[in-house]
């Protein structure tokens, strides 16, 4: 097993390497690492050109995982993801040719530019970690993560992700524009693509699976669980949101908080871990009441202020 000191050293090295490529976004990078340690899928939403795809590439390189990228377009078909069977004259039979979904990390670039039919083709893969092609169920690699990027819904040629698809993502983050100092470093520094080519894996797939097992062992005391349930109840009260969080969303929140605790060097979950991870984990699953005057993230933060700490 990975010793505690070695765990923290590995995690620190991992974050340091990512922050050399994605400058000025330490919080967002940390959220991404927590998401993958928790075994969840990640949605990165922002305008083009702020580093979404670069971040996905950097995560794959740093975690040492087999990587595949699909550019989602309006004409992309489900078979383009899962693969097809092609007749082999030599073997006199159909041979299955796996699609890009058969990778440990699948980057679904600009996922909301594809049709709803193609978007829904990812559902089984994300939830069950398997795909059914031509009546045969085929397991996906382990571990398996989807990192999807999407542009804002008001841009041309985009299709909003349905609620069932959004619920499969453990977290949704936004990078935003860099501050002046970080942007100056981007302008004057090395090309990001060259930096990606020079990156090496900090973790092996086996070490990642060990860390994910440790995330599951992080302790959540009864008062902490009461606090999580209070937050779930608040989302269902009708005061903040049209519909509340499901039990599955509550389990996802706790898993993300455990990963955050491990990143903070603790073997137990503190209220701060839940608060730090809450907006990124639940806002994309919630719709504010019509008179809120806030977006989902701001409404989650307002609710957080109103729910007492344990």
C-alpha atoms as a PDB file:
ATOM      1  CA  UNK A   1       0.000   0.000   0.000  1.00  0.00           C
ATOM      2  CA  UNK A   2       1.060   3.574  -0.555  1.00  0.00           C
ATOM      3  CA  UNK A   3       2.297   5.080   2.729  1.00  0.00           C
ATOM      4  CA  UNK A   4       0.759   8.328   3.957  1.00  0.00           C
ATOM      5  CA  UNK A   5       3.918  10.428   3.456  1.00  0.00           C
ATOM      6  CA  UNK A   6       4.386   8.969  -0.014  1.00  0.00           C
ATOM      7  CA  UNK A   7       0.744   9.754  -0.819  1.00  0.00           C
ATOM      8  CA  UNK A   8       1.172  13.406   0.063  1.00  0.00           C
ATOM      9  CA  UNK A   9       4.451  13.615  -1.853  1.00  0.00           C
ATOM     10  CA  UNK A  10       2.816  12.113  -4.949  1.00  0.00           C
ATOM     11  CA  UNK A  11      -0.193  14.417  -4.720  1.00  0.00           C
ATOM     12  CA  UNK A  12       2.006  17.482  -4.250  1.00  0.00           C
ATOM     13  CA  UNK A  13       4.143  16.535  -7.274  1.00  0.00           C
ATOM     14  CA  UNK A  14       1.014  15.912  -9.319  1.00  0.00           C
ATOM     15  CA  UNK A  15      -0.493  19.304  -8.501  1.00  0.00           C
ATOM     16  CA  UNK A  16       2.826  21.089  -9.066  1.00  0.00           C
ATOM     17  CA  UNK A  17       3.215  19.622 -12.546  1.00  0.00           C
ATOM     18  CA  UNK A  18      -0.334  20.527 -13.531  1.00  0.00           C
ATOM     19  CA  UNK A  19       0.045  24.082 -12.236  1.00  0.00           C
ATOM     20  CA  UNK A  20       3.135  24.635 -14.395  1.00  0.00           C
ATOM     21  CA  UNK A  21       0.977  24.110 -17.505  1.00  0.00           C
ATOM     22  CA  UNK A  22      -2.322  25.618 -16.302  1.00  0.00           C
ATOM     23  CA  UNK A  23      -1.072  28.778 -14.633  1.00  0.00           C
ATOM     24  CA  UNK A  24      -3.114  30.844 -12.189  1.00  0.00           C
ATOM     25  CA  UNK A  25      -5.867  28.224 -11.792  1.00  0.00           C
ATOM     26  CA  UNK A  26      -4.722  26.341  -8.682  1.00  0.00           C
ATOM     27  CA  UNK A  27      -8.242  25.929  -7.274  1.00  0.00           C
ATOM     28  CA  UNK A  28      -9.686  24.564 -10.505  1.00  0.00           C
ATOM     29  CA  UNK A  29      -6.736  22.197 -10.976  1.00  0.00           C
ATOM     30  CA  UNK A  30      -7.214  20.912  -7.439  1.00  0.00           C
ATOM     31  CA  UNK A  31     -10.910  20.313  -8.115  1.00  0.00           C
ATOM     32  CA  UNK A  32     -10.041  18.307 -11.237  1.00  0.00           C
ATOM     33  CA  UNK A  33      -7.628  16.107  -9.310  1.00  0.00           C
ATOM     34  CA  UNK A  34     -10.215  15.569  -6.552  1.00  0.00           C
ATOM     35  CA  UNK A  35     -12.771  14.574  -9.202  1.00  0.00           C
ATOM     36  CA  UNK A  36     -10.527  11.918 -10.737  1.00  0.00           C
ATOM     37  CA  UNK A  37      -9.379  10.621  -7.340  1.00  0.00           C
ATOM     38  CA  UNK A  38     -13.057  10.205  -6.463  1.00  0.00           C
ATOM     39  CA  UNK A  39     -13.567   8.173  -9.644  1.00  0.00           C
ATOM     40  CA  UNK A  40     -15.924  10.701 -11.209  1.00  0.00           C
ATOM     41  CA  UNK A  41     -16.350  12.233 -14.639  1.00  0.00           C
ATOM     42  CA  UNK A  42     -15.484  15.890 -15.194  1.00  0.00           C
ATOM     43  CA  UNK A  43     -17.244  18.627 -17.192  1.00  0.00           C
ATOM     44  CA  UNK A  44     -15.271  21.787 -18.001  1.00  0.00           C
ATOM     45  CA  UNK A  45     -17.497  24.617 -19.237  1.00  0.00           C
ATOM     46  CA  UNK A  46     -16.142  27.876 -20.604  1.00  0.00           C
ATOM     47  CA  UNK A  47     -15.578  29.997 -23.703  1.00  0.00           C
ATOM     48  CA  UNK A  48     -13.096  28.722 -26.308  1.00  0.00           C
ATOM     49  CA  UNK A  49      -9.409  29.404 -25.803  1.00  0.00           C
ATOM     50  CA  UNK A  50      -9.063  29.481 -22.010  1.00  0.00           C
ATOM     51  CA  UNK A  51      -7.283  26.135 -21.664  1.00  0.00           C
ATOM     52  CA  UNK A  52     -10.019  23.491 -21.322  1.00  0.00           C
ATOM     53  CA  UNK A  53      -8.467  21.023 -23.766  1.00  0.00           C
ATOM     54  CA  UNK A  54      -4.947  21.716 -22.500  1.00  0.00           C
ATOM     55  CA  UNK A  55      -6.078  20.908 -18.956  1.00  0.00           C
ATOM     56  CA  UNK A  56      -7.621  17.626 -20.083  1.00  0.00           C
ATOM     57  CA  UNK A  57      -4.408  16.636 -21.891  1.00  0.00           C
ATOM     58  CA  UNK A  58      -2.333  17.581 -18.846  1.00  0.00           C
ATOM     59  CA  UNK A  59      -4.521  15.490 -16.529  1.00  0.00           C
ATOM     60  CA  UNK A  60      -4.163  12.430 -18.760  1.00  0.00           C
ATOM     61  CA  UNK A  61      -0.385  12.832 -18.992  1.00  0.00           C
ATOM     62  CA  UNK A  62       0.082  13.402 -15.267  1.00  0.00           C
ATOM     63  CA  UNK A  63      -2.136  10.485 -14.233  1.00  0.00           C
ATOM     64  CA  UNK A  64      -0.288   8.204 -16.657  1.00  0.00           C
ATOM     65  CA  UNK A  65      -3.424   6.986 -18.395  1.00  0.00           C
ATOM     66  CA  UNK A  66      -4.177   5.923 -21.952  1.00  0.00           C
ATOM     67  CA  UNK A  67      -5.757   8.909 -23.642  1.00  0.00           C
ATOM     68  CA  UNK A  68      -8.228   9.348 -26.482  1.00  0.00           C
ATOM     69  CA  UNK A  69      -9.765  12.542 -27.846  1.00  0.00           C
ATOM     70  CA  UNK A  70     -12.964  12.993 -29.851  1.00  0.00           C
ATOM     71  CA  UNK A  71     -13.974  16.306 -31.366  1.00  0.00           C
ATOM     72  CA  UNK A  72     -17.754  16.385 -31.015  1.00  0.00           C
ATOM     73  CA  UNK A  73     -19.459  17.816 -34.086  1.00  0.00           C
ATOM     74  CA  UNK A  74     -23.013  17.904 -35.383  1.00  0.00           C
ATOM     75  CA  UNK A  75     -22.389  14.925 -37.709  1.00  0.00           C
ATOM     76  CA  UNK A  76     -20.701  12.683 -35.117  1.00  0.00           C
ATOM     77  CA  UNK A  77     -22.548   9.362 -34.812  1.00  0.00           C
ATOM     78  CA  UNK A  78     -22.732   7.001 -31.787  1.00  0.00           C
ATOM     79  CA  UNK A  79     -20.784   4.367 -33.732  1.00  0.00           C
ATOM     80  CA  UNK A  80     -17.937   6.845 -34.127  1.00  0.00           C
ATOM     81  CA  UNK A  81     -17.495   6.604 -30.358  1.00  0.00           C
ATOM     82  CA  UNK A  82     -18.101   2.935 -29.616  1.00  0.00           C
ATOM     83  CA  UNK A  83     -16.636   1.351 -32.758  1.00  0.00           C
ATOM     84  CA  UNK A  84     -17.977  -0.881 -35.535  1.00  0.00           C
ATOM     85  CA  UNK A  85     -17.656  -4.410 -36.860  1.00  0.00           C
ATOM     86  CA  UNK A  86     -16.102  -4.707 -40.320  1.00  0.00           C
ATOM     87  CA  UNK A  87     -16.092  -7.839 -42.451  1.00  0.00           C
ATOM     88  CA  UNK A  88     -12.657  -9.453 -42.694  1.00  0.00           C
ATOM     89  CA  UNK A  89     -12.320 -11.456 -45.910  1.00  0.00           C
ATOM     90  CA  UNK A  90      -9.350 -13.456 -44.591  1.00  0.00           C
ATOM     91  CA  UNK A  91     -11.158 -14.560 -41.436  1.00  0.00           C
ATOM     92  CA  UNK A  92     -14.493 -14.697 -43.268  1.00  0.00           C
ATOM     93  CA  UNK A  93     -16.188 -13.040 -40.313  1.00  0.00           C
ATOM     94  CA  UNK A  94     -16.930  -9.634 -38.858  1.00  0.00           C
ATOM     95  CA  UNK A  95     -14.160  -8.177 -36.681  1.00  0.00           C
ATOM     96  CA  UNK A  96     -14.904  -5.505 -34.093  1.00  0.00           C
ATOM     97  CA  UNK A  97     -12.806  -2.349 -34.324  1.00  0.00           C
ATOM     98  CA  UNK A  98     -12.978  -0.487 -30.970  1.00  0.00           C
ATOM     99  CA  UNK A  99     -13.810   3.213 -31.030  1.00  0.00           C
ATOM    100  CA  UNK A 100     -12.098   5.968 -29.022  1.00  0.00           C
ATOM    101  CA  UNK A 101     -14.331   5.278 -25.990  1.00  0.00           C
ATOM    102  CA  UNK A 102     -12.085   2.286 -25.239  1.00  0.00           C
ATOM    103  CA  UNK A 103      -9.494   4.407 -23.444  1.00  0.00           C
ATOM    104  CA  UNK A 104      -8.770   5.138 -19.800  1.00  0.00           C
ATOM    105  CA  UNK A 105      -9.394   8.855 -20.325  1.00  0.00           C
ATOM    106  CA  UNK A 106     -11.775   9.993 -23.041  1.00  0.00           C
ATOM    107  CA  UNK A 107     -11.704  13.693 -23.849  1.00  0.00           C
ATOM    108  CA  UNK A 108     -15.106  14.596 -25.283  1.00  0.00           C
ATOM    109  CA  UNK A 109     -14.166  17.969 -26.724  1.00  0.00           C
ATOM    110  CA  UNK A 110     -17.036  20.462 -27.147  1.00  0.00           C
ATOM    111  CA  UNK A 111     -19.573  17.793 -26.192  1.00  0.00           C
ATOM    112  CA  UNK A 112     -22.515  20.139 -26.627  1.00  0.00           C
ATOM    113  CA  UNK A 113     -21.816  20.594 -30.353  1.00  0.00           C
ATOM    114  CA  UNK A 114     -22.942  17.007 -31.019  1.00  0.00           C
ATOM    115  CA  UNK A 115     -26.555  15.940 -31.457  1.00  0.00           C
ATOM    116  CA  UNK A 116     -28.527  14.697 -28.425  1.00  0.00           C
ATOM    117  CA  UNK A 117     -28.443  11.161 -29.906  1.00  0.00           C
ATOM    118  CA  UNK A 118     -24.651  11.110 -29.832  1.00  0.00           C
ATOM    119  CA  UNK A 119     -24.517  12.735 -26.397  1.00  0.00           C
ATOM    120  CA  UNK A 120     -26.758  10.013 -25.014  1.00  0.00           C
ATOM    121  CA  UNK A 121     -24.431   7.344 -26.423  1.00  0.00           C
ATOM    122  CA  UNK A 122     -22.033   8.224 -23.616  1.00  0.00           C
ATOM    123  CA  UNK A 123     -24.586   7.501 -20.868  1.00  0.00           C
ATOM    124  CA  UNK A 124     -24.044   3.762 -20.582  1.00  0.00           C
ATOM    125  CA  UNK A 125     -20.284   4.181 -20.808  1.00  0.00           C
ATOM    126  CA  UNK A 126     -20.188   6.817 -18.059  1.00  0.00           C
ATOM    127  CA  UNK A 127     -22.544   5.047 -15.681  1.00  0.00           C
ATOM    128  CA  UNK A 128     -21.887   1.354 -16.307  1.00  0.00           C
ATOM    129  CA  UNK A 129     -18.298   1.566 -17.655  1.00  0.00           C
ATOM    130  CA  UNK A 130     -19.315  -0.662 -20.524  1.00  0.00           C
ATOM    131  CA  UNK A 131     -20.847  -0.266 -23.965  1.00  0.00           C
ATOM    132  CA  UNK A 132     -23.233  -2.438 -25.924  1.00  0.00           C
ATOM    133  CA  UNK A 133     -22.356  -2.715 -29.607  1.00  0.00           C
ATOM    134  CA  UNK A 134     -24.429  -4.838 -31.981  1.00  0.00           C
ATOM    135  CA  UNK A 135     -26.028  -6.683 -29.074  1.00  0.00           C
ATOM    136  CA  UNK A 136     -22.752  -7.521 -27.303  1.00  0.00           C
ATOM    137  CA  UNK A 137     -21.701  -5.850 -24.044  1.00  0.00           C
ATOM    138  CA  UNK A 138     -18.038  -4.888 -23.937  1.00  0.00           C
ATOM    139  CA  UNK A 139     -16.271  -3.680 -20.766  1.00  0.00           C
ATOM    140  CA  UNK A 140     -14.278  -0.462 -20.845  1.00  0.00           C
ATOM    141  CA  UNK A 141     -10.746  -0.116 -19.434  1.00  0.00           C
ATOM    142  CA  UNK A 142     -10.232   0.358 -15.710  1.00  0.00           C
ATOM    143  CA  UNK A 143      -9.949   3.121 -14.669  1.00  0.00           C
ATOM    144  CA  UNK A 144     -12.244   4.934 -17.099  1.00  0.00           C
ATOM    145  CA  UNK A 145     -12.878   8.680 -17.004  1.00  0.00           C
ATOM    146  CA  UNK A 146     -14.710  11.066 -19.282  1.00  0.00           C
ATOM    147  CA  UNK A 147     -13.416  14.620 -19.336  1.00  0.00           C
ATOM    148  CA  UNK A 148     -15.852  16.668 -21.383  1.00  0.00           C
ATOM    149  CA  UNK A 149     -15.529  20.289 -22.424  1.00  0.00           C
ATOM    150  CA  UNK A 150     -18.431  22.450 -23.511  1.00  0.00           C
ATOM    151  CA  UNK A 151     -18.996  25.981 -24.674  1.00  0.00           C
ATOM    152  CA  UNK A 152     -21.638  28.302 -23.176  1.00  0.00           C
ATOM    153  CA  UNK A 153     -25.167  27.481 -24.372  1.00  0.00           C
ATOM    154  CA  UNK A 154     -25.662  30.834 -26.033  1.00  0.00           C
ATOM    155  CA  UNK A 155     -22.970  30.123 -28.632  1.00  0.00           C
ATOM    156  CA  UNK A 156     -23.998  29.077 -32.126  1.00  0.00           C
ATOM    157  CA  UNK A 157     -24.272  25.372 -32.933  1.00  0.00           C
ATOM    158  CA  UNK A 158     -24.582  24.074 -29.371  1.00  0.00           C
ATOM    159  CA  UNK A 159     -27.121  21.687 -27.818  1.00  0.00           C
ATOM    160  CA  UNK A 160     -27.755  21.899 -24.086  1.00  0.00           C
ATOM    161  CA  UNK A 161     -26.874  18.687 -22.247  1.00  0.00           C
ATOM    162  CA  UNK A 162     -29.978  16.974 -20.800  1.00  0.00           C
ATOM    163  CA  UNK A 163     -30.337  16.561 -17.039  1.00  0.00           C
ATOM    164  CA  UNK A 164     -29.642  12.820 -17.256  1.00  0.00           C
ATOM    165  CA  UNK A 165     -26.291  13.520 -18.934  1.00  0.00           C
ATOM    166  CA  UNK A 166     -25.305  16.307 -16.539  1.00  0.00           C
ATOM    167  CA  UNK A 167     -26.037  14.059 -13.563  1.00  0.00           C
ATOM    168  CA  UNK A 168     -23.338  11.619 -14.754  1.00  0.00           C
ATOM    169  CA  UNK A 169     -20.641  14.235 -14.182  1.00  0.00           C
ATOM    170  CA  UNK A 170     -19.313  14.328 -10.651  1.00  0.00           C
ATOM    171  CA  UNK A 171     -18.159  17.928 -11.095  1.00  0.00           C
ATOM    172  CA  UNK A 172     -18.549  20.875 -13.407  1.00  0.00           C
ATOM    173  CA  UNK A 173     -15.915  23.590 -13.295  1.00  0.00           C
ATOM    174  CA  UNK A 174     -15.197  26.791 -15.193  1.00  0.00           C
ATOM    175  CA  UNK A 175     -11.683  28.103 -15.783  1.00  0.00           C
ATOM    176  CA  UNK A 176     -12.441  31.735 -16.617  1.00  0.00           C
ATOM    177  CA  UNK A 177      -9.993  34.267 -18.000  1.00  0.00           C
ATOM    178  CA  UNK A 178      -6.520  34.360 -16.416  1.00  0.00           C
ATOM    179  CA  UNK A 179      -5.489  37.280 -14.243  1.00  0.00           C
ATOM    180  CA  UNK A 180      -2.915  39.729 -15.628  1.00  0.00           C
ATOM    181  CA  UNK A 181       0.124  38.028 -14.112  1.00  0.00           C
ATOM    182  CA  UNK A 182      -0.910  34.544 -15.291  1.00  0.00           C
ATOM    183  CA  UNK A 183      -1.718  35.846 -18.779  1.00  0.00           C
ATOM    184  CA  UNK A 184       1.700  37.524 -18.974  1.00  0.00           C
ATOM    185  CA  UNK A 185       3.297  34.175 -18.117  1.00  0.00           C
ATOM    186  CA  UNK A 186       1.303  32.537 -20.904  1.00  0.00           C
ATOM    187  CA  UNK A 187       2.334  35.237 -23.404  1.00  0.00           C
ATOM    188  CA  UNK A 188       6.032  35.226 -22.500  1.00  0.00           C
ATOM    189  CA  UNK A 189       6.469  31.573 -21.579  1.00  0.00           C
ATOM    190  CA  UNK A 190       6.926  28.281 -23.392  1.00  0.00           C
ATOM    191  CA  UNK A 191       4.269  27.022 -25.791  1.00  0.00           C
ATOM    192  CA  UNK A 192       1.705  24.933 -23.901  1.00  0.00           C
ATOM    193  CA  UNK A 193       1.767  22.140 -26.494  1.00  0.00           C
ATOM    194  CA  UNK A 194       5.525  21.810 -26.137  1.00  0.00           C
ATOM    195  CA  UNK A 195       5.101  21.649 -22.374  1.00  0.00           C
ATOM    196  CA  UNK A 196       2.520  18.883 -22.741  1.00  0.00           C
ATOM    197  CA  UNK A 197       4.903  16.869 -24.918  1.00  0.00           C
ATOM    198  CA  UNK A 198       7.546  17.107 -22.207  1.00  0.00           C
ATOM    199  CA  UNK A 199       5.278  16.017 -19.349  1.00  0.00           C
ATOM    200  CA  UNK A 200       5.789  12.639 -17.688  1.00  0.00           C
ATOM    201  CA  UNK A 201       3.434  10.512 -15.606  1.00  0.00           C
ATOM    202  CA  UNK A 202       3.529  11.201 -11.869  1.00  0.00           C
ATOM    203  CA  UNK A 203       1.247   8.255 -11.065  1.00  0.00           C
ATOM    204  CA  UNK A 204       0.871   4.804 -12.561  1.00  0.00           C
ATOM    205  CA  UNK A 205      -2.648   3.414 -13.140  1.00  0.00           C
ATOM    206  CA  UNK A 206      -2.048   1.017 -10.229  1.00  0.00           C
ATOM    207  CA  UNK A 207      -1.088   3.873  -7.891  1.00  0.00           C
ATOM    208  CA  UNK A 208      -4.159   5.804  -8.983  1.00  0.00           C
ATOM    209  CA  UNK A 209      -6.356   2.824  -8.107  1.00  0.00           C
ATOM    210  CA  UNK A 210      -4.648   2.654  -4.688  1.00  0.00           C
ATOM    211  CA  UNK A 211      -5.381   6.324  -4.076  1.00  0.00           C
ATOM    212  CA  UNK A 212      -8.996   5.860  -5.128  1.00  0.00           C
ATOM    213  CA  UNK A 213      -9.256   3.015  -2.620  1.00  0.00           C
ATOM    214  CA  UNK A 214      -7.868   5.324   0.055  1.00  0.00           C
ATOM    215  CA  UNK A 215     -10.472   7.952  -0.805  1.00  0.00           C
ATOM    216  CA  UNK A 216     -13.190   5.410  -0.008  1.00  0.00           C
ATOM    217  CA  UNK A 217     -11.573   4.760   3.400  1.00  0.00           C
ATOM    218  CA  UNK A 218     -11.575   8.437   4.451  1.00  0.00           C
ATOM    219  CA  UNK A 219     -13.786   8.633   7.545  1.00  0.00           C
ATOM    220  CA  UNK A 220     -17.010  10.651   7.672  1.00  0.00           C
ATOM    221  CA  UNK A 221     -18.283  11.048  11.248  1.00  0.00           C
ATOM    222  CA  UNK A 222     -21.965  11.141  12.134  1.00  0.00           C
ATOM    223  CA  UNK A 223     -22.056  14.948  12.658  1.00  0.00           C
ATOM    224  CA  UNK A 224     -20.515  15.388   9.207  1.00  0.00           C
ATOM    225  CA  UNK A 225     -23.102  13.067   7.663  1.00  0.00           C
ATOM    226  CA  UNK A 226     -25.836  15.069   9.432  1.00  0.00           C
ATOM    227  CA  UNK A 227     -24.425  18.221   7.839  1.00  0.00           C
ATOM    228  CA  UNK A 228     -24.464  16.638   4.371  1.00  0.00           C
ATOM    229  CA  UNK A 229     -28.079  15.558   4.925  1.00  0.00           C
ATOM    230  CA  UNK A 230     -28.987  19.076   6.088  1.00  0.00           C
ATOM    231  CA  UNK A 231     -27.588  20.447   2.827  1.00  0.00           C
ATOM    232  CA  UNK A 232     -29.505  17.863   0.782  1.00  0.00           C
ATOM    233  CA  UNK A 233     -32.707  18.716   2.674  1.00  0.00           C
ATOM    234  CA  UNK A 234     -32.155  22.427   2.034  1.00  0.00           C
ATOM    235  CA  UNK A 235     -32.002  21.834  -1.726  1.00  0.00           C
ATOM    236  CA  UNK A 236     -35.351  20.009  -1.509  1.00  0.00           C
ATOM    237  CA  UNK A 237     -37.147  22.678   0.544  1.00  0.00           C
ATOM    238  CA  UNK A 238     -38.369  24.655  -2.478  1.00  0.00           C
ATOM    239  CA  UNK A 239     -36.822  27.830  -1.102  1.00  0.00           C
ATOM    240  CA  UNK A 240     -33.677  27.692  -3.231  1.00  0.00           C
ATOM    241  CA  UNK A 241     -34.238  25.321  -6.136  1.00  0.00           C
ATOM    242  CA  UNK A 242     -37.084  23.964  -8.251  1.00  0.00           C
ATOM    243  CA  UNK A 243     -36.075  20.372  -7.472  1.00  0.00           C
ATOM    244  CA  UNK A 244     -33.703  19.052  -4.847  1.00  0.00           C
ATOM    245  CA  UNK A 245     -30.715  16.759  -5.051  1.00  0.00           C
ATOM    246  CA  UNK A 246     -31.188  13.015  -5.399  1.00  0.00           C
ATOM    247  CA  UNK A 247     -29.603  10.440  -3.056  1.00  0.00           C
ATOM    248  CA  UNK A 248     -27.128   9.660  -5.855  1.00  0.00           C
ATOM    249  CA  UNK A 249     -26.051  13.303  -5.862  1.00  0.00           C
ATOM    250  CA  UNK A 250     -25.585  13.124  -2.072  1.00  0.00           C
ATOM    251  CA  UNK A 251     -23.330  10.084  -2.437  1.00  0.00           C
ATOM    252  CA  UNK A 252     -21.349  11.903  -5.143  1.00  0.00           C
ATOM    253  CA  UNK A 253     -20.953  14.946  -2.882  1.00  0.00           C
ATOM    254  CA  UNK A 254     -19.593  12.834  -0.020  1.00  0.00           C
ATOM    255  CA  UNK A 255     -17.193  11.014  -2.351  1.00  0.00           C
ATOM    256  CA  UNK A 256     -15.856  14.325  -3.669  1.00  0.00           C
ATOM    257  CA  UNK A 257     -15.462  15.651  -0.107  1.00  0.00           C
ATOM    258  CA  UNK A 258     -13.454  12.541   0.822  1.00  0.00           C
ATOM    259  CA  UNK A 259     -11.122  13.157  -2.119  1.00  0.00           C
ATOM    260  CA  UNK A 260     -10.744  16.768  -1.029  1.00  0.00           C
ATOM    261  CA  UNK A 261      -9.868  15.612   2.497  1.00  0.00           C
ATOM    262  CA  UNK A 262      -7.177  13.283   1.122  1.00  0.00           C
ATOM    263  CA  UNK A 263      -5.706  16.168  -0.872  1.00  0.00           C
ATOM    264  CA  UNK A 264      -5.657  18.171   2.374  1.00  0.00           C
ATOM    265  CA  UNK A 265      -3.660  15.404   4.082  1.00  0.00           C
ATOM    266  CA  UNK A 266      -6.423  14.121   6.356  1.00  0.00           C
ATOM    267  CA  UNK A 267      -8.054  10.717   6.801  1.00  0.00           C
ATOM    268  CA  UNK A 268     -11.398  12.238   7.837  1.00  0.00           C
ATOM    269  CA  UNK A 269     -13.845  14.650   6.197  1.00  0.00           C
ATOM    270  CA  UNK A 270     -14.213  18.124   7.693  1.00  0.00           C
ATOM    271  CA  UNK A 271     -17.053  20.580   6.988  1.00  0.00           C
ATOM    272  CA  UNK A 272     -14.575  22.712   5.039  1.00  0.00           C
ATOM    273  CA  UNK A 273     -14.075  19.856   2.577  1.00  0.00           C
ATOM    274  CA  UNK A 274     -17.812  19.732   1.897  1.00  0.00           C
ATOM    275  CA  UNK A 275     -18.097  23.505   1.563  1.00  0.00           C
ATOM    276  CA  UNK A 276     -15.088  23.763  -0.779  1.00  0.00           C
ATOM    277  CA  UNK A 277     -16.431  21.135  -3.147  1.00  0.00           C
ATOM    278  CA  UNK A 278     -20.195  21.755  -2.943  1.00  0.00           C
ATOM    279  CA  UNK A 279     -20.783  24.293  -5.771  1.00  0.00           C
ATOM    280  CA  UNK A 280     -18.682  22.353  -8.274  1.00  0.00           C
ATOM    281  CA  UNK A 281     -20.390  19.073  -7.370  1.00  0.00           C
ATOM    282  CA  UNK A 282     -24.067  20.052  -7.208  1.00  0.00           C
ATOM    283  CA  UNK A 283     -24.725  23.322  -9.081  1.00  0.00           C
ATOM    284  CA  UNK A 284     -25.015  21.625 -12.487  1.00  0.00           C
ATOM    285  CA  UNK A 285     -27.723  19.339 -11.058  1.00  0.00           C
ATOM    286  CA  UNK A 286     -29.904  22.202  -9.768  1.00  0.00           C
ATOM    287  CA  UNK A 287     -32.163  24.915 -11.229  1.00  0.00           C
ATOM    288  CA  UNK A 288     -32.703  28.016  -9.027  1.00  0.00           C
ATOM    289  CA  UNK A 289     -36.237  29.171  -8.266  1.00  0.00           C
ATOM    290  CA  UNK A 290     -37.456  31.749 -10.756  1.00  0.00           C
ATOM    291  CA  UNK A 291     -37.271  34.697  -8.370  1.00  0.00           C
ATOM    292  CA  UNK A 292     -33.728  33.953  -7.156  1.00  0.00           C
ATOM    293  CA  UNK A 293     -32.001  36.397  -9.492  1.00  0.00           C
ATOM    294  CA  UNK A 294     -28.848  34.288  -9.242  1.00  0.00           C
ATOM    295  CA  UNK A 295     -27.165  31.523 -11.192  1.00  0.00           C
ATOM    296  CA  UNK A 296     -27.014  28.001  -9.773  1.00  0.00           C
ATOM    297  CA  UNK A 297     -23.499  28.414  -8.337  1.00  0.00           C
ATOM    298  CA  UNK A 298     -24.379  31.678  -6.566  1.00  0.00           C
ATOM    299  CA  UNK A 299     -27.601  30.129  -5.259  1.00  0.00           C
ATOM    300  CA  UNK A 300     -25.692  27.144  -3.856  1.00  0.00           C
ATOM    301  CA  UNK A 301     -23.334  29.508  -2.044  1.00  0.00           C
ATOM    302  CA  UNK A 302     -26.257  31.482  -0.633  1.00  0.00           C
ATOM    303  CA  UNK A 303     -27.838  28.258   0.619  1.00  0.00           C
ATOM    304  CA  UNK A 304     -24.506  27.224   2.122  1.00  0.00           C
ATOM    305  CA  UNK A 305     -24.457  30.400   4.211  1.00  0.00           C
ATOM    306  CA  UNK A 306     -27.949  29.651   5.531  1.00  0.00           C
ATOM    307  CA  UNK A 307     -27.332  26.030   6.640  1.00  0.00           C
ATOM    308  CA  UNK A 308     -25.740  25.861  10.122  1.00  0.00           C
ATOM    309  CA  UNK A 309     -22.424  24.095  10.594  1.00  0.00           C
ATOM    310  CA  UNK A 310     -22.388  20.941  12.747  1.00  0.00           C
END
